[in-house]
Amino acid sequence: MTGVRLTASVMGAAAGLIPTPALAHGFAGGGWLHPLTGPDHMLAMVLVGAWSAQLGGRGVWAVPAAFVAAMAAGAAAARAGLVLPGSESAIALSSIALGIAVALARPVALPLAATATLVFGWAHGAAHGAEMPAGAGLDYAIGFLVTTAGLHAAGFAGASLVLDHGRGTTALRALGTGSALAGSAFLVSAAG
């Protein structure tokens, strides 16, 4: 078993150990569903995981962790009333930029990759924080942060499995190109 396949298998097994929400009890007040309600959000979050698989090494955990940390900070800022204009456009731009990064499949210095995902994470967090229902508490935010981490893990695992095949690099690059094009459509929609 190659290192990539072993890492993907371990992450998949670890994801299976995460407790699943009891919907009857309103897990996280619906916060865990929020990242799943917008294709632009989901695409960017999966791309973060895919890019981390391409980067390898410390990028596997540092890039998604930077995104989640900045997302939490962006959500907190939005809840405190600091909402920056254009967050929906920034979310679309994150899909474009991350799609291009995956399509190019070039080595990127970890500080640059983490900084890029910090910016994107802040924009996503600001949108989630601004859209939180009145009275939603910390459990709601924890819910969308956990789901985000899960989407990163899914992107990592999927990309790792694709990369493990003979033409995997080419296939993943094509998926990155398609994702950048989808992000362009999101940007047009956000601007309209």
C-alpha atoms as a PDB file:
ATOM      1  CA  MET A   1       0.000   0.000   0.000  1.00  0.00           C
ATOM      2  CA  THR A   2       1.462   3.353  -1.023  1.00  0.00           C
ATOM      3  CA  GLY A   3       1.881   6.180   1.450  1.00  0.00           C
ATOM      4  CA  VAL A   4      -0.915   8.192  -0.168  1.00  0.00           C
ATOM      5  CA  ARG A   5      -3.352   5.275  -0.066  1.00  0.00           C
ATOM      6  CA  LEU A   6      -2.371   4.487   3.527  1.00  0.00           C
ATOM      7  CA  THR A   7      -2.923   8.128   4.553  1.00  0.00           C
ATOM      8  CA  ALA A   8      -6.319   8.201   2.807  1.00  0.00           C
ATOM      9  CA  SER A   9      -7.295   4.923   4.492  1.00  0.00           C
ATOM     10  CA  VAL A  10      -6.280   6.180   7.933  1.00  0.00           C
ATOM     11  CA  MET A  11      -8.182   9.462   7.435  1.00  0.00           C
ATOM     12  CA  GLY A  12     -11.240   7.554   6.221  1.00  0.00           C
ATOM     13  CA  ALA A  13     -11.114   5.271   9.252  1.00  0.00           C
ATOM     14  CA  ALA A  14     -10.685   8.257  11.560  1.00  0.00           C
ATOM     15  CA  ALA A  15     -13.691   9.966   9.968  1.00  0.00           C
ATOM     16  CA  GLY A  16     -15.721   6.857  10.751  1.00  0.00           C
ATOM     17  CA  LEU A  17     -14.939   7.358  14.430  1.00  0.00           C
ATOM     18  CA  ILE A  18     -16.453  10.844  14.511  1.00  0.00           C
ATOM     19  CA  PRO A  19     -19.818  10.700  16.233  1.00  0.00           C
ATOM     20  CA  THR A  20     -22.701  11.362  13.893  1.00  0.00           C
ATOM     21  CA  PRO A  21     -25.362  13.887  14.816  1.00  0.00           C
ATOM     22  CA  ALA A  22     -28.607  12.787  16.355  1.00  0.00           C
ATOM     23  CA  LEU A  23     -30.968  14.760  14.177  1.00  0.00           C
ATOM     24  CA  ALA A  24     -33.766  14.321  16.679  1.00  0.00           C
ATOM     25  CA  HIS A  25     -31.774  16.435  19.118  1.00  0.00           C
ATOM     26  CA  GLY A  26     -31.015  19.284  16.699  1.00  0.00           C
ATOM     27  CA  PHE A  27     -27.245  18.767  16.634  1.00  0.00           C
ATOM     28  CA  ALA A  28     -25.548  22.153  16.520  1.00  0.00           C
ATOM     29  CA  GLY A  29     -28.786  23.945  15.835  1.00  0.00           C
ATOM     30  CA  GLY A  30     -28.474  23.268  12.132  1.00  0.00           C
ATOM     31  CA  GLY A  31     -24.979  24.707  11.910  1.00  0.00           C
ATOM     32  CA  TRP A  32     -23.551  21.456  10.652  1.00  0.00           C
ATOM     33  CA  LEU A  33     -25.828  21.678   7.588  1.00  0.00           C
ATOM     34  CA  HIS A  34     -24.920  25.249   6.670  1.00  0.00           C
ATOM     35  CA  PRO A  35     -21.761  24.490   4.606  1.00  0.00           C
ATOM     36  CA  LEU A  36     -23.775  21.952   2.629  1.00  0.00           C
ATOM     37  CA  THR A  37     -26.392  24.462   1.486  1.00  0.00           C
ATOM     38  CA  GLY A  38     -24.247  26.268  -1.085  1.00  0.00           C
ATOM     39  CA  PRO A  39     -22.354  24.583  -3.927  1.00  0.00           C
ATOM     40  CA  ASP A  40     -19.805  27.422  -3.923  1.00  0.00           C
ATOM     41  CA  HIS A  41     -18.994  26.750  -0.261  1.00  0.00           C
ATOM     42  CA  MET A  42     -18.828  22.986  -0.708  1.00  0.00           C
ATOM     43  CA  LEU A  43     -16.623  23.191  -3.798  1.00  0.00           C
ATOM     44  CA  ALA A  44     -14.084  25.478  -2.133  1.00  0.00           C
ATOM     45  CA  MET A  45     -13.937  23.331   0.996  1.00  0.00           C
ATOM     46  CA  VAL A  46     -13.401  20.117  -0.962  1.00  0.00           C
ATOM     47  CA  LEU A  47     -10.743  21.874  -3.054  1.00  0.00           C
ATOM     48  CA  VAL A  48      -8.840  22.855   0.106  1.00  0.00           C
ATOM     49  CA  GLY A  49      -8.580  19.150   0.949  1.00  0.00           C
ATOM     50  CA  ALA A  50      -7.603  18.217  -2.619  1.00  0.00           C
ATOM     51  CA  TRP A  51      -4.918  20.892  -2.714  1.00  0.00           C
ATOM     52  CA  SER A  52      -3.560  19.713   0.634  1.00  0.00           C
ATOM     53  CA  ALA A  53      -3.231  16.200  -0.836  1.00  0.00           C
ATOM     54  CA  GLN A  54      -1.222  17.607  -3.726  1.00  0.00           C
ATOM     55  CA  LEU A  55       0.981  19.662  -1.407  1.00  0.00           C
ATOM     56  CA  GLY A  56       1.693  16.712   0.875  1.00  0.00           C
ATOM     57  CA  GLY A  57       3.864  16.867   3.977  1.00  0.00           C
ATOM     58  CA  ARG A  58       2.765  19.430   6.531  1.00  0.00           C
ATOM     59  CA  GLY A  59       0.393  20.929   3.951  1.00  0.00           C
ATOM     60  CA  VAL A  60      -1.931  17.974   4.529  1.00  0.00           C
ATOM     61  CA  TRP A  61      -2.965  19.373   7.896  1.00  0.00           C
ATOM     62  CA  ALA A  62      -1.686  22.982   7.898  1.00  0.00           C
ATOM     63  CA  VAL A  63      -3.681  24.212   4.896  1.00  0.00           C
ATOM     64  CA  PRO A  64      -7.083  22.883   6.076  1.00  0.00           C
ATOM     65  CA  ALA A  65      -6.323  23.974   9.654  1.00  0.00           C
ATOM     66  CA  ALA A  66      -5.565  27.524   8.459  1.00  0.00           C
ATOM     67  CA  PHE A  67      -8.886  27.593   6.611  1.00  0.00           C
ATOM     68  CA  VAL A  68     -10.905  26.377   9.609  1.00  0.00           C
ATOM     69  CA  ALA A  69      -9.164  28.760  12.029  1.00  0.00           C
ATOM     70  CA  ALA A  70      -9.743  31.744   9.755  1.00  0.00           C
ATOM     71  CA  MET A  71     -13.311  30.622   9.185  1.00  0.00           C
ATOM     72  CA  ALA A  72     -13.945  30.684  12.929  1.00  0.00           C
ATOM     73  CA  ALA A  73     -12.401  34.157  13.191  1.00  0.00           C
ATOM     74  CA  GLY A  74     -14.397  35.441  10.201  1.00  0.00           C
ATOM     75  CA  ALA A  75     -17.638  34.091  11.675  1.00  0.00           C
ATOM     76  CA  ALA A  76     -16.892  35.685  15.050  1.00  0.00           C
ATOM     77  CA  ALA A  77     -16.119  39.019  13.376  1.00  0.00           C
ATOM     78  CA  ALA A  78     -19.363  38.891  11.391  1.00  0.00           C
ATOM     79  CA  ARG A  79     -21.342  38.083  14.526  1.00  0.00           C
ATOM     80  CA  ALA A  80     -19.715  41.109  16.181  1.00  0.00           C
ATOM     81  CA  GLY A  81     -20.936  43.309  13.327  1.00  0.00           C
ATOM     82  CA  LEU A  82     -17.732  43.497  11.273  1.00  0.00           C
ATOM     83  CA  VAL A  83     -19.027  42.352   7.902  1.00  0.00           C
ATOM     84  CA  LEU A  84     -16.787  43.079   4.956  1.00  0.00           C
ATOM     85  CA  PRO A  85     -18.531  43.768   1.645  1.00  0.00           C
ATOM     86  CA  GLY A  86     -18.067  41.320  -1.184  1.00  0.00           C
ATOM     87  CA  SER A  87     -17.794  38.119   0.830  1.00  0.00           C
ATOM     88  CA  GLU A  88     -19.902  36.221  -1.730  1.00  0.00           C
ATOM     89  CA  SER A  89     -17.554  37.339  -4.508  1.00  0.00           C
ATOM     90  CA  ALA A  90     -14.576  36.332  -2.367  1.00  0.00           C
ATOM     91  CA  ILE A  91     -16.135  32.879  -1.899  1.00  0.00           C
ATOM     92  CA  ALA A  92     -16.504  32.503  -5.671  1.00  0.00           C
ATOM     93  CA  LEU A  93     -12.922  33.718  -6.125  1.00  0.00           C
ATOM     94  CA  SER A  94     -11.783  31.077  -3.628  1.00  0.00           C
ATOM     95  CA  SER A  95     -13.248  28.350  -5.864  1.00  0.00           C
ATOM     96  CA  ILE A  96     -11.475  29.849  -8.866  1.00  0.00           C
ATOM     97  CA  ALA A  97      -8.100  30.242  -7.122  1.00  0.00           C
ATOM     98  CA  LEU A  98      -8.207  26.830  -5.451  1.00  0.00           C
ATOM     99  CA  GLY A  99      -9.326  25.206  -8.708  1.00  0.00           C
ATOM    100  CA  ILE A 100      -6.392  26.830 -10.500  1.00  0.00           C
ATOM    101  CA  ALA A 101      -4.000  25.691  -7.749  1.00  0.00           C
ATOM    102  CA  VAL A 102      -5.222  22.102  -8.127  1.00  0.00           C
ATOM    103  CA  ALA A 103      -5.122  22.361 -11.942  1.00  0.00           C
ATOM    104  CA  LEU A 104      -1.545  23.654 -11.968  1.00  0.00           C
ATOM    105  CA  ALA A 105      -0.366  21.022  -9.473  1.00  0.00           C
ATOM    106  CA  ARG A 106       2.770  23.032  -8.749  1.00  0.00           C
ATOM    107  CA  PRO A 107       4.687  23.012  -5.492  1.00  0.00           C
ATOM    108  CA  VAL A 108       3.786  26.028  -3.384  1.00  0.00           C
ATOM    109  CA  ALA A 109       5.585  27.179  -0.254  1.00  0.00           C
ATOM    110  CA  LEU A 110       3.548  26.209   2.787  1.00  0.00           C
ATOM    111  CA  PRO A 111       3.367  29.779   4.198  1.00  0.00           C
ATOM    112  CA  LEU A 112       1.909  31.015   0.899  1.00  0.00           C
ATOM    113  CA  ALA A 113      -0.600  28.149   0.712  1.00  0.00           C
ATOM    114  CA  ALA A 114      -1.670  28.656   4.330  1.00  0.00           C
ATOM    115  CA  THR A 115      -2.000  32.426   3.848  1.00  0.00           C
ATOM    116  CA  ALA A 116      -4.198  31.933   0.783  1.00  0.00           C
ATOM    117  CA  THR A 117      -6.468  29.575   2.676  1.00  0.00           C
ATOM    118  CA  LEU A 118      -6.568  32.000   5.611  1.00  0.00           C
ATOM    119  CA  VAL A 119      -8.028  34.664   3.331  1.00  0.00           C
ATOM    120  CA  PHE A 120     -10.520  32.244   1.812  1.00  0.00           C
ATOM    121  CA  GLY A 121     -11.468  30.818   5.197  1.00  0.00           C
ATOM    122  CA  TRP A 122     -12.155  34.300   6.563  1.00  0.00           C
ATOM    123  CA  ALA A 123     -14.531  35.051   3.657  1.00  0.00           C
ATOM    124  CA  HIS A 124     -16.411  31.776   4.127  1.00  0.00           C
ATOM    125  CA  GLY A 125     -16.587  32.318   7.882  1.00  0.00           C
ATOM    126  CA  ALA A 126     -17.853  35.874   7.457  1.00  0.00           C
ATOM    127  CA  ALA A 127     -20.663  34.598   5.251  1.00  0.00           C
ATOM    128  CA  HIS A 128     -21.566  31.822   7.689  1.00  0.00           C
ATOM    129  CA  GLY A 129     -21.425  34.190  10.656  1.00  0.00           C
ATOM    130  CA  ALA A 130     -23.585  36.801   8.930  1.00  0.00           C
ATOM    131  CA  GLU A 131     -26.158  34.137   8.037  1.00  0.00           C
ATOM    132  CA  MET A 132     -26.350  32.559  11.496  1.00  0.00           C
ATOM    133  CA  PRO A 133     -29.889  32.671  12.837  1.00  0.00           C
ATOM    134  CA  ALA A 134     -30.597  35.100  15.645  1.00  0.00           C
ATOM    135  CA  GLY A 135     -29.983  33.418  18.967  1.00  0.00           C
ATOM    136  CA  ALA A 136     -27.727  30.723  17.487  1.00  0.00           C
ATOM    137  CA  GLY A 137     -24.924  29.906  19.860  1.00  0.00           C
ATOM    138  CA  LEU A 138     -21.476  28.420  19.857  1.00  0.00           C
ATOM    139  CA  ASP A 139     -22.894  24.980  19.071  1.00  0.00           C
ATOM    140  CA  TYR A 140     -24.090  26.279  15.689  1.00  0.00           C
ATOM    141  CA  ALA A 141     -20.594  27.563  14.842  1.00  0.00           C
ATOM    142  CA  ILE A 142     -18.981  24.330  16.005  1.00  0.00           C
ATOM    143  CA  GLY A 143     -21.382  22.481  13.720  1.00  0.00           C
ATOM    144  CA  PHE A 144     -20.348  24.346  10.585  1.00  0.00           C
ATOM    145  CA  LEU A 145     -16.667  24.140  11.512  1.00  0.00           C
ATOM    146  CA  VAL A 146     -16.882  20.351  11.960  1.00  0.00           C
ATOM    147  CA  THR A 147     -18.686  19.967   8.635  1.00  0.00           C
ATOM    148  CA  THR A 148     -16.054  22.140   6.969  1.00  0.00           C
ATOM    149  CA  ALA A 149     -13.275  19.940   8.354  1.00  0.00           C
ATOM    150  CA  GLY A 150     -15.194  16.910   7.088  1.00  0.00           C
ATOM    151  CA  LEU A 151     -15.397  18.413   3.582  1.00  0.00           C
ATOM    152  CA  HIS A 152     -11.644  19.075   3.713  1.00  0.00           C
ATOM    153  CA  ALA A 153     -11.073  15.436   4.705  1.00  0.00           C
ATOM    154  CA  ALA A 154     -13.335  14.244   1.881  1.00  0.00           C
ATOM    155  CA  GLY A 155     -11.412  16.356  -0.622  1.00  0.00           C
ATOM    156  CA  PHE A 156      -8.113  15.044   0.695  1.00  0.00           C
ATOM    157  CA  ALA A 157      -9.241  11.417   0.627  1.00  0.00           C
ATOM    158  CA  GLY A 158     -10.762  11.707  -2.847  1.00  0.00           C
ATOM    159  CA  ALA A 159      -7.705  13.452  -4.281  1.00  0.00           C
ATOM    160  CA  SER A 160      -5.384  10.937  -2.624  1.00  0.00           C
ATOM    161  CA  LEU A 161      -7.271   8.050  -4.186  1.00  0.00           C
ATOM    162  CA  VAL A 162      -7.252   9.721  -7.610  1.00  0.00           C
ATOM    163  CA  LEU A 163      -3.535  10.482  -7.345  1.00  0.00           C
ATOM    164  CA  ASP A 164      -2.837   6.833  -6.553  1.00  0.00           C
ATOM    165  CA  HIS A 165      -3.753   5.819 -10.110  1.00  0.00           C
ATOM    166  CA  GLY A 166      -1.553   5.963 -13.201  1.00  0.00           C
ATOM    167  CA  ARG A 167      -3.244   8.990 -14.734  1.00  0.00           C
ATOM    168  CA  GLY A 168      -4.406  10.414 -11.441  1.00  0.00           C
ATOM    169  CA  THR A 169      -2.395  13.622 -11.675  1.00  0.00           C
ATOM    170  CA  THR A 170      -3.946  14.410 -15.049  1.00  0.00           C
ATOM    171  CA  ALA A 171      -7.437  13.568 -13.806  1.00  0.00           C
ATOM    172  CA  LEU A 172      -7.069  15.735 -10.702  1.00  0.00           C
ATOM    173  CA  ARG A 173      -5.732  18.615 -12.793  1.00  0.00           C
ATOM    174  CA  ALA A 174      -8.775  18.317 -15.050  1.00  0.00           C
ATOM    175  CA  LEU A 175     -11.042  18.388 -11.992  1.00  0.00           C
ATOM    176  CA  GLY A 176      -9.236  21.516 -10.803  1.00  0.00           C
ATOM    177  CA  THR A 177      -9.821  23.168 -14.182  1.00  0.00           C
ATOM    178  CA  GLY A 178     -13.517  22.274 -14.059  1.00  0.00           C
ATOM    179  CA  SER A 179     -13.723  23.633 -10.524  1.00  0.00           C
ATOM    180  CA  ALA A 180     -12.146  26.934 -11.572  1.00  0.00           C
ATOM    181  CA  LEU A 181     -14.725  27.209 -14.355  1.00  0.00           C
ATOM    182  CA  ALA A 182     -17.523  26.485 -11.879  1.00  0.00           C
ATOM    183  CA  GLY A 183     -16.083  29.164  -9.603  1.00  0.00           C
ATOM    184  CA  SER A 184     -16.221  31.587 -12.532  1.00  0.00           C
ATOM    185  CA  ALA A 185     -19.929  30.834 -12.919  1.00  0.00           C
ATOM    186  CA  PHE A 186     -20.400  31.440  -9.179  1.00  0.00           C
ATOM    187  CA  LEU A 187     -18.588  34.775  -9.525  1.00  0.00           C
ATOM    188  CA  VAL A 188     -20.857  35.863 -12.386  1.00  0.00           C
ATOM    189  CA  SER A 189     -23.872  34.863 -10.293  1.00  0.00           C
ATOM    190  CA  ALA A 190     -22.586  36.765  -7.237  1.00  0.00           C
ATOM    191  CA  ALA A 191     -21.964  39.878  -9.314  1.00  0.00           C
ATOM    192  CA  GLY A 192     -25.447  39.730 -10.900  1.00  0.00           C
END
